Amino acid sequence: HKLKMLKLIAAIVLLGVAQAFIFEEPEYTRRQIATVKELDGAKYTGRWYQVYGNKFGEVTYGKNPYCVMANYALINATTISVFNSGKTESVNGTWRQIEGSATQIDPMNEPGKFQLNLEFVPFPAAYWVMKLGPVKDGQYEYSLVTNDKGGALYVLVRDPVVFKQKYEKEALEFLEQKGFTEEFIKPVYTYHGADCPYVNKKQPNWLDNLWEIIGY
C-alpha cells in the first residue's frame, strides 16, 4: 500500500510539473514593453511595407510570407482603418488579406497603444507602437510594432530600400535591446522586390464568394 501511495504521489507531482510547464507563460512575456509618447495619426496613415515579422506573426499571416503590406487611413481622430495584404510561399502564391480598424485606447496618455479589431476575428488584439522613425513628407519613415505580451513583431516601413540603407541597423539594434532574441519572436525578413504585387483593395477569395452566395 505504501508503494502504491508513493507511486500515486509521484504521479501527481509529475502531473503538476507537466501542467506548470505546459501552461507557464514564455519568458519573453515578462518584459516591460514601453510605447511611444507621441503619435500623430495623420502621419501614421498611408501605405506601409512589412520588412520584418517573426514566427509568432506567422500564426496570423501564414508561413513564408512575401510582399506583406498595409494601408492605413483615418476614420476619426483616434481610429485608423486597416487593410493588410500579402502573399504566401512566393510572389505568385495565395493572397492573405484582412480588413479592420485600430483605435487608440488612451490617446492623451498612451497614444502608442491601439486596440485592433479585424474581420472574422471574434476578439480584439493589442497593437503597440514601440518606436517611430523620423518624419519625412508628413509621414513616419518606419514603425516598430508588437502586442501587449511582446510576442508579435511588425517592422513597417515606407520604402524598403531606403529603410535598409538608412534605418535598418538602428531598428534591429533597438529590437535586440528590447529582447526580441528568442527563436519564436526574433525578427524574420519578409521579401519585397520589383516583382511583388501590391493592391489597395481586397482581392476576392473563396470566403468572400461564400458570404456573397449566402447573402452575408
C-alpha atoms as a PDB file:
ATOM      1  CA  HIS A   1       0.000   0.000   0.000  1.00  0.00           C
ATOM      2  CA  LYS A   2       2.838   2.378   0.837  1.00  0.00           C
ATOM      3  CA  LEU A   3       4.412   1.692  -2.548  1.00  0.00           C
ATOM      4  CA  LYS A   4       1.129   2.394  -4.323  1.00  0.00           C
ATOM      5  CA  MET A   5       0.735   5.601  -2.336  1.00  0.00           C
ATOM      6  CA  LEU A   6       4.264   6.717  -3.222  1.00  0.00           C
ATOM      7  CA  LYS A   7       3.601   5.999  -6.892  1.00  0.00           C
ATOM      8  CA  LEU A   8       0.356   7.979  -6.715  1.00  0.00           C
ATOM      9  CA  ILE A   9       2.102  10.936  -5.061  1.00  0.00           C
ATOM     10  CA  ALA A  10       4.884  10.780  -7.642  1.00  0.00           C
ATOM     11  CA  ALA A  11       2.327  10.741 -10.466  1.00  0.00           C
ATOM     12  CA  ILE A  12       0.502  13.752  -9.008  1.00  0.00           C
ATOM     13  CA  VAL A  13       3.771  15.660  -8.627  1.00  0.00           C
ATOM     14  CA  LEU A  14       4.820  14.839 -12.186  1.00  0.00           C
ATOM     15  CA  LEU A  15       1.399  15.885 -13.482  1.00  0.00           C
ATOM     16  CA  GLY A  16       1.698  19.178 -11.632  1.00  0.00           C
ATOM     17  CA  VAL A  17       5.155  19.785 -13.056  1.00  0.00           C
ATOM     18  CA  ALA A  18       3.913  18.942 -16.548  1.00  0.00           C
ATOM     19  CA  GLN A  19       0.936  21.286 -16.225  1.00  0.00           C
ATOM     20  CA  ALA A  20       3.164  24.065 -14.936  1.00  0.00           C
ATOM     21  CA  PHE A  21       5.481  23.531 -17.887  1.00  0.00           C
ATOM     22  CA  ILE A  22       2.655  23.473 -20.406  1.00  0.00           C
ATOM     23  CA  PHE A  23       0.772  26.494 -19.106  1.00  0.00           C
ATOM     24  CA  GLU A  24       3.676  28.642 -17.961  1.00  0.00           C
ATOM     25  CA  GLU A  25       3.911  31.826 -19.996  1.00  0.00           C
ATOM     26  CA  PRO A  26       7.044  32.193 -22.128  1.00  0.00           C
ATOM     27  CA  GLU A  27       9.964  34.139 -20.710  1.00  0.00           C
ATOM     28  CA  TYR A  28       9.533  36.969 -23.221  1.00  0.00           C
ATOM     29  CA  THR A  29       6.097  37.861 -21.810  1.00  0.00           C
ATOM     30  CA  ARG A  30       7.744  39.063 -18.590  1.00  0.00           C
ATOM     31  CA  ARG A  31       9.407  42.020 -20.298  1.00  0.00           C
ATOM     32  CA  GLN A  32       8.134  45.548 -19.827  1.00  0.00           C
ATOM     33  CA  ILE A  33       7.135  46.904 -23.235  1.00  0.00           C
ATOM     34  CA  ALA A  34       7.237  50.696 -23.478  1.00  0.00           C
ATOM     35  CA  THR A  35       5.348  52.518 -26.231  1.00  0.00           C
ATOM     36  CA  VAL A  36       5.900  55.874 -27.910  1.00  0.00           C
ATOM     37  CA  LYS A  37       4.865  59.002 -26.008  1.00  0.00           C
ATOM     38  CA  GLU A  38       3.716  60.849 -29.125  1.00  0.00           C
ATOM     39  CA  LEU A  39       1.908  59.607 -32.217  1.00  0.00           C
ATOM     40  CA  ASP A  40       0.201  61.719 -34.864  1.00  0.00           C
ATOM     41  CA  GLY A  41      -2.477  59.620 -36.553  1.00  0.00           C
ATOM     42  CA  ALA A  42      -2.299  61.599 -39.790  1.00  0.00           C
ATOM     43  CA  LYS A  43       1.434  60.882 -40.080  1.00  0.00           C
ATOM     44  CA  TYR A  44       0.762  57.196 -39.452  1.00  0.00           C
ATOM     45  CA  THR A  45      -1.641  56.743 -42.368  1.00  0.00           C
ATOM     46  CA  GLY A  46      -0.799  55.636 -45.893  1.00  0.00           C
ATOM     47  CA  ARG A  47       0.978  52.573 -47.209  1.00  0.00           C
ATOM     48  CA  TRP A  48       3.414  50.544 -45.152  1.00  0.00           C
ATOM     49  CA  TYR A  49       5.620  47.620 -46.169  1.00  0.00           C
ATOM     50  CA  GLN A  50       6.343  44.957 -43.558  1.00  0.00           C
ATOM     51  CA  VAL A  51      10.038  44.127 -43.986  1.00  0.00           C
ATOM     52  CA  TYR A  52      10.366  42.018 -40.834  1.00  0.00           C
ATOM     53  CA  GLY A  53       7.933  39.861 -38.906  1.00  0.00           C
ATOM     54  CA  ASN A  54       8.541  36.794 -36.742  1.00  0.00           C
ATOM     55  CA  LYS A  55       7.335  33.230 -36.217  1.00  0.00           C
ATOM     56  CA  PHE A  56       4.704  34.456 -33.756  1.00  0.00           C
ATOM     57  CA  GLY A  57       3.170  36.588 -36.501  1.00  0.00           C
ATOM     58  CA  GLU A  58       3.195  33.727 -38.982  1.00  0.00           C
ATOM     59  CA  VAL A  59       0.350  32.228 -36.962  1.00  0.00           C
ATOM     60  CA  THR A  60      -1.862  35.038 -38.292  1.00  0.00           C
ATOM     61  CA  TYR A  61      -0.497  35.867 -41.752  1.00  0.00           C
ATOM     62  CA  GLY A  62       0.899  32.471 -42.741  1.00  0.00           C
ATOM     63  CA  LYS A  63       4.308  30.867 -43.013  1.00  0.00           C
ATOM     64  CA  ASN A  64       6.882  32.107 -45.504  1.00  0.00           C
ATOM     65  CA  PRO A  65       5.146  35.420 -46.280  1.00  0.00           C
ATOM     66  CA  TYR A  66       6.049  37.586 -49.261  1.00  0.00           C
ATOM     67  CA  CYS A  67       5.261  41.189 -50.171  1.00  0.00           C
ATOM     68  CA  VAL A  68       3.352  41.978 -46.964  1.00  0.00           C
ATOM     69  CA  MET A  69       1.947  45.499 -46.867  1.00  0.00           C
ATOM     70  CA  ALA A  70      -0.667  47.551 -45.043  1.00  0.00           C
ATOM     71  CA  ASN A  71      -2.814  50.532 -45.947  1.00  0.00           C
ATOM     72  CA  TYR A  72      -3.999  52.761 -43.107  1.00  0.00           C
ATOM     73  CA  ALA A  73      -6.462  55.655 -43.303  1.00  0.00           C
ATOM     74  CA  LEU A  74      -8.003  57.944 -40.690  1.00  0.00           C
ATOM     75  CA  ILE A  75     -11.581  57.193 -39.706  1.00  0.00           C
ATOM     76  CA  ASN A  76     -11.575  59.829 -36.973  1.00  0.00           C
ATOM     77  CA  ALA A  77      -9.117  61.434 -34.546  1.00  0.00           C
ATOM     78  CA  THR A  78      -8.425  58.183 -32.681  1.00  0.00           C
ATOM     79  CA  THR A  79      -9.308  55.386 -35.122  1.00  0.00           C
ATOM     80  CA  ILE A  80      -7.500  54.148 -38.223  1.00  0.00           C
ATOM     81  CA  SER A  81      -8.837  51.768 -40.856  1.00  0.00           C
ATOM     82  CA  VAL A  82      -6.605  48.774 -41.534  1.00  0.00           C
ATOM     83  CA  PHE A  83      -6.086  46.759 -44.715  1.00  0.00           C
ATOM     84  CA  ASN A  84      -3.360  44.102 -44.578  1.00  0.00           C
ATOM     85  CA  SER A  85      -2.318  42.176 -47.661  1.00  0.00           C
ATOM     86  CA  GLY A  86       0.397  39.760 -48.723  1.00  0.00           C
ATOM     87  CA  LYS A  87       1.324  36.533 -50.454  1.00  0.00           C
ATOM     88  CA  THR A  88       2.384  33.172 -49.028  1.00  0.00           C
ATOM     89  CA  GLU A  89       5.211  30.914 -50.254  1.00  0.00           C
ATOM     90  CA  SER A  90       6.088  33.137 -53.261  1.00  0.00           C
ATOM     91  CA  VAL A  91       5.154  36.361 -55.050  1.00  0.00           C
ATOM     92  CA  ASN A  92       2.710  34.229 -57.059  1.00  0.00           C
ATOM     93  CA  GLY A  93       1.322  32.476 -54.004  1.00  0.00           C
ATOM     94  CA  THR A  94      -2.066  32.725 -52.353  1.00  0.00           C
ATOM     95  CA  TRP A  95      -3.357  36.115 -51.248  1.00  0.00           C
ATOM     96  CA  ARG A  96      -3.795  36.559 -47.500  1.00  0.00           C
ATOM     97  CA  GLN A  97      -5.770  39.708 -46.773  1.00  0.00           C
ATOM     98  CA  ILE A  98      -7.783  41.119 -43.913  1.00  0.00           C
ATOM     99  CA  GLU A  99      -9.517  44.385 -43.022  1.00  0.00           C
ATOM    100  CA  GLY A 100     -10.351  46.062 -39.753  1.00  0.00           C
ATOM    101  CA  SER A 101      -9.632  49.082 -37.591  1.00  0.00           C
ATOM    102  CA  ALA A 102      -7.304  50.185 -34.805  1.00  0.00           C
ATOM    103  CA  THR A 103      -8.379  52.588 -32.048  1.00  0.00           C
ATOM    104  CA  GLN A 104      -6.150  54.373 -29.559  1.00  0.00           C
ATOM    105  CA  ILE A 105      -7.000  53.154 -26.056  1.00  0.00           C
ATOM    106  CA  ASP A 106      -5.823  56.284 -24.218  1.00  0.00           C
ATOM    107  CA  PRO A 107      -4.779  58.889 -26.817  1.00  0.00           C
ATOM    108  CA  MET A 108      -3.771  61.520 -24.270  1.00  0.00           C
ATOM    109  CA  ASN A 109      -1.551  59.392 -22.023  1.00  0.00           C
ATOM    110  CA  GLU A 110      -0.604  56.361 -24.132  1.00  0.00           C
ATOM    111  CA  PRO A 111      -1.023  57.296 -27.804  1.00  0.00           C
ATOM    112  CA  GLY A 112       1.051  54.325 -28.969  1.00  0.00           C
ATOM    113  CA  LYS A 113      -1.394  51.714 -27.663  1.00  0.00           C
ATOM    114  CA  PHE A 114      -4.192  50.630 -30.000  1.00  0.00           C
ATOM    115  CA  GLN A 115      -6.969  48.066 -29.822  1.00  0.00           C
ATOM    116  CA  LEU A 116      -7.030  46.189 -33.109  1.00  0.00           C
ATOM    117  CA  ASN A 117     -10.288  44.721 -34.418  1.00  0.00           C
ATOM    118  CA  LEU A 118     -10.117  42.551 -37.540  1.00  0.00           C
ATOM    119  CA  GLU A 119     -12.897  40.989 -39.611  1.00  0.00           C
ATOM    120  CA  PHE A 120     -13.811  37.385 -38.766  1.00  0.00           C
ATOM    121  CA  VAL A 121     -11.704  37.601 -35.574  1.00  0.00           C
ATOM    122  CA  PRO A 122     -14.058  37.352 -32.557  1.00  0.00           C
ATOM    123  CA  PHE A 123     -11.771  39.127 -30.090  1.00  0.00           C
ATOM    124  CA  PRO A 124      -9.666  42.327 -30.180  1.00  0.00           C
ATOM    125  CA  ALA A 125      -5.876  42.332 -30.261  1.00  0.00           C
ATOM    126  CA  ALA A 126      -3.283  44.739 -28.893  1.00  0.00           C
ATOM    127  CA  TYR A 127      -1.263  46.854 -31.331  1.00  0.00           C
ATOM    128  CA  TRP A 128       1.554  48.652 -29.531  1.00  0.00           C
ATOM    129  CA  VAL A 129       3.916  51.058 -31.284  1.00  0.00           C
ATOM    130  CA  MET A 130       7.333  50.788 -29.624  1.00  0.00           C
ATOM    131  CA  LYS A 131       9.338  53.127 -31.841  1.00  0.00           C
ATOM    132  CA  LEU A 132       8.774  55.526 -34.730  1.00  0.00           C
ATOM    133  CA  GLY A 133      11.197  56.718 -37.360  1.00  0.00           C
ATOM    134  CA  PRO A 134      11.700  60.360 -38.328  1.00  0.00           C
ATOM    135  CA  VAL A 135       9.006  62.242 -40.234  1.00  0.00           C
ATOM    136  CA  LYS A 136       9.545  62.805 -43.953  1.00  0.00           C
ATOM    137  CA  ASP A 137       6.986  64.374 -46.281  1.00  0.00           C
ATOM    138  CA  GLY A 138       4.425  64.307 -43.472  1.00  0.00           C
ATOM    139  CA  GLN A 139       4.797  60.579 -42.709  1.00  0.00           C
ATOM    140  CA  TYR A 140       6.751  58.497 -40.220  1.00  0.00           C
ATOM    141  CA  GLU A 141       9.563  56.668 -42.017  1.00  0.00           C
ATOM    142  CA  TYR A 142       9.145  53.445 -40.044  1.00  0.00           C
ATOM    143  CA  SER A 143       7.250  51.912 -37.130  1.00  0.00           C
ATOM    144  CA  LEU A 144       8.200  49.041 -34.803  1.00  0.00           C
ATOM    145  CA  VAL A 145       5.068  47.304 -33.522  1.00  0.00           C
ATOM    146  CA  THR A 146       4.350  44.491 -31.065  1.00  0.00           C
ATOM    147  CA  ASN A 147       1.445  43.364 -28.877  1.00  0.00           C
ATOM    148  CA  ASP A 148       0.808  43.640 -25.135  1.00  0.00           C
ATOM    149  CA  LYS A 149       2.748  40.413 -24.467  1.00  0.00           C
ATOM    150  CA  GLY A 150       5.762  41.456 -26.525  1.00  0.00           C
ATOM    151  CA  GLY A 151       5.467  38.425 -28.784  1.00  0.00           C
ATOM    152  CA  ALA A 152       4.247  39.810 -32.088  1.00  0.00           C
ATOM    153  CA  LEU A 153       6.569  41.856 -34.289  1.00  0.00           C
ATOM    154  CA  TYR A 154       5.833  44.049 -37.284  1.00  0.00           C
ATOM    155  CA  VAL A 155       8.569  46.236 -38.754  1.00  0.00           C
ATOM    156  CA  LEU A 156       6.684  48.633 -41.014  1.00  0.00           C
ATOM    157  CA  VAL A 157       8.479  50.971 -43.414  1.00  0.00           C
ATOM    158  CA  ARG A 158       7.582  53.454 -46.122  1.00  0.00           C
ATOM    159  CA  ASP A 159      10.307  52.357 -48.542  1.00  0.00           C
ATOM    160  CA  PRO A 160      12.117  49.006 -48.110  1.00  0.00           C
ATOM    161  CA  VAL A 161      15.232  50.199 -49.969  1.00  0.00           C
ATOM    162  CA  VAL A 162      15.544  53.453 -48.025  1.00  0.00           C
ATOM    163  CA  PHE A 163      14.925  51.631 -44.753  1.00  0.00           C
ATOM    164  CA  LYS A 164      17.705  49.131 -45.427  1.00  0.00           C
ATOM    165  CA  GLN A 165      20.140  51.916 -46.285  1.00  0.00           C
ATOM    166  CA  LYS A 166      19.289  54.365 -43.506  1.00  0.00           C
ATOM    167  CA  TYR A 167      17.349  52.794 -40.643  1.00  0.00           C
ATOM    168  CA  GLU A 168      17.647  49.001 -40.579  1.00  0.00           C
ATOM    169  CA  LYS A 169      20.723  48.895 -38.333  1.00  0.00           C
ATOM    170  CA  GLU A 170      19.214  51.141 -35.640  1.00  0.00           C
ATOM    171  CA  ALA A 171      15.864  49.332 -35.801  1.00  0.00           C
ATOM    172  CA  LEU A 172      17.383  45.860 -35.391  1.00  0.00           C
ATOM    173  CA  GLU A 173      19.633  47.073 -32.566  1.00  0.00           C
ATOM    174  CA  PHE A 174      16.571  48.506 -30.810  1.00  0.00           C
ATOM    175  CA  LEU A 175      14.718  45.195 -31.139  1.00  0.00           C
ATOM    176  CA  GLU A 176      17.688  43.276 -29.770  1.00  0.00           C
ATOM    177  CA  GLN A 177      17.843  45.636 -26.787  1.00  0.00           C
ATOM    178  CA  LYS A 178      14.132  45.066 -26.191  1.00  0.00           C
ATOM    179  CA  GLY A 179      14.578  41.309 -26.045  1.00  0.00           C
ATOM    180  CA  PHE A 180      13.383  40.165 -29.464  1.00  0.00           C
ATOM    181  CA  THR A 181      16.047  37.466 -29.456  1.00  0.00           C
ATOM    182  CA  GLU A 182      14.272  34.166 -28.752  1.00  0.00           C
ATOM    183  CA  GLU A 183      13.679  31.889 -31.732  1.00  0.00           C
ATOM    184  CA  PHE A 184       9.901  32.397 -31.731  1.00  0.00           C
ATOM    185  CA  ILE A 185       9.984  36.211 -31.570  1.00  0.00           C
ATOM    186  CA  LYS A 186      13.237  37.308 -33.229  1.00  0.00           C
ATOM    187  CA  PRO A 187      12.967  39.320 -36.491  1.00  0.00           C
ATOM    188  CA  VAL A 188      12.469  37.344 -39.702  1.00  0.00           C
ATOM    189  CA  TYR A 189      12.971  39.135 -43.025  1.00  0.00           C
ATOM    190  CA  THR A 190       9.994  39.499 -45.378  1.00  0.00           C
ATOM    191  CA  TYR A 191      10.744  39.603 -49.110  1.00  0.00           C
ATOM    192  CA  HIS A 192       9.990  42.758 -51.094  1.00  0.00           C
ATOM    193  CA  GLY A 193      11.097  43.095 -54.689  1.00  0.00           C
ATOM    194  CA  ALA A 194      10.171  44.639 -58.011  1.00  0.00           C
ATOM    195  CA  ASP A 195       8.073  41.547 -58.757  1.00  0.00           C
ATOM    196  CA  CYS A 196       5.863  41.991 -55.681  1.00  0.00           C
ATOM    197  CA  PRO A 197       2.158  42.605 -56.369  1.00  0.00           C
ATOM    198  CA  TYR A 198       0.674  45.333 -54.169  1.00  0.00           C
ATOM    199  CA  VAL A 199      -3.014  46.236 -54.090  1.00  0.00           C
ATOM    200  CA  ASN A 200      -5.083  48.955 -52.457  1.00  0.00           C
ATOM    201  CA  LYS A 201      -8.207  46.887 -52.026  1.00  0.00           C
ATOM    202  CA  LYS A 202      -9.090  43.357 -51.066  1.00  0.00           C
ATOM    203  CA  GLN A 203      -8.928  40.710 -53.771  1.00  0.00           C
ATOM    204  CA  PRO A 204     -11.906  38.320 -53.907  1.00  0.00           C
ATOM    205  CA  ASN A 205     -11.320  34.925 -52.335  1.00  0.00           C
ATOM    206  CA  TRP A 206     -13.401  31.832 -51.634  1.00  0.00           C
ATOM    207  CA  LEU A 207     -14.602  33.159 -48.267  1.00  0.00           C
ATOM    208  CA  ASP A 208     -15.850  36.420 -49.777  1.00  0.00           C
ATOM    209  CA  ASN A 209     -17.609  34.466 -52.508  1.00  0.00           C
ATOM    210  CA  LEU A 210     -19.247  32.260 -49.874  1.00  0.00           C
ATOM    211  CA  TRP A 211     -20.549  35.291 -47.956  1.00  0.00           C
ATOM    212  CA  GLU A 212     -21.957  36.698 -51.206  1.00  0.00           C
ATOM    213  CA  ILE A 213     -23.726  33.431 -52.025  1.00  0.00           C
ATOM    214  CA  ILE A 214     -25.377  33.123 -48.615  1.00  0.00           C
ATOM    215  CA  GLY A 215     -26.167  36.839 -48.518  1.00  0.00           C
ATOM    216  CA  TYR A 216     -23.992  37.735 -45.530  1.00  0.00           C
END
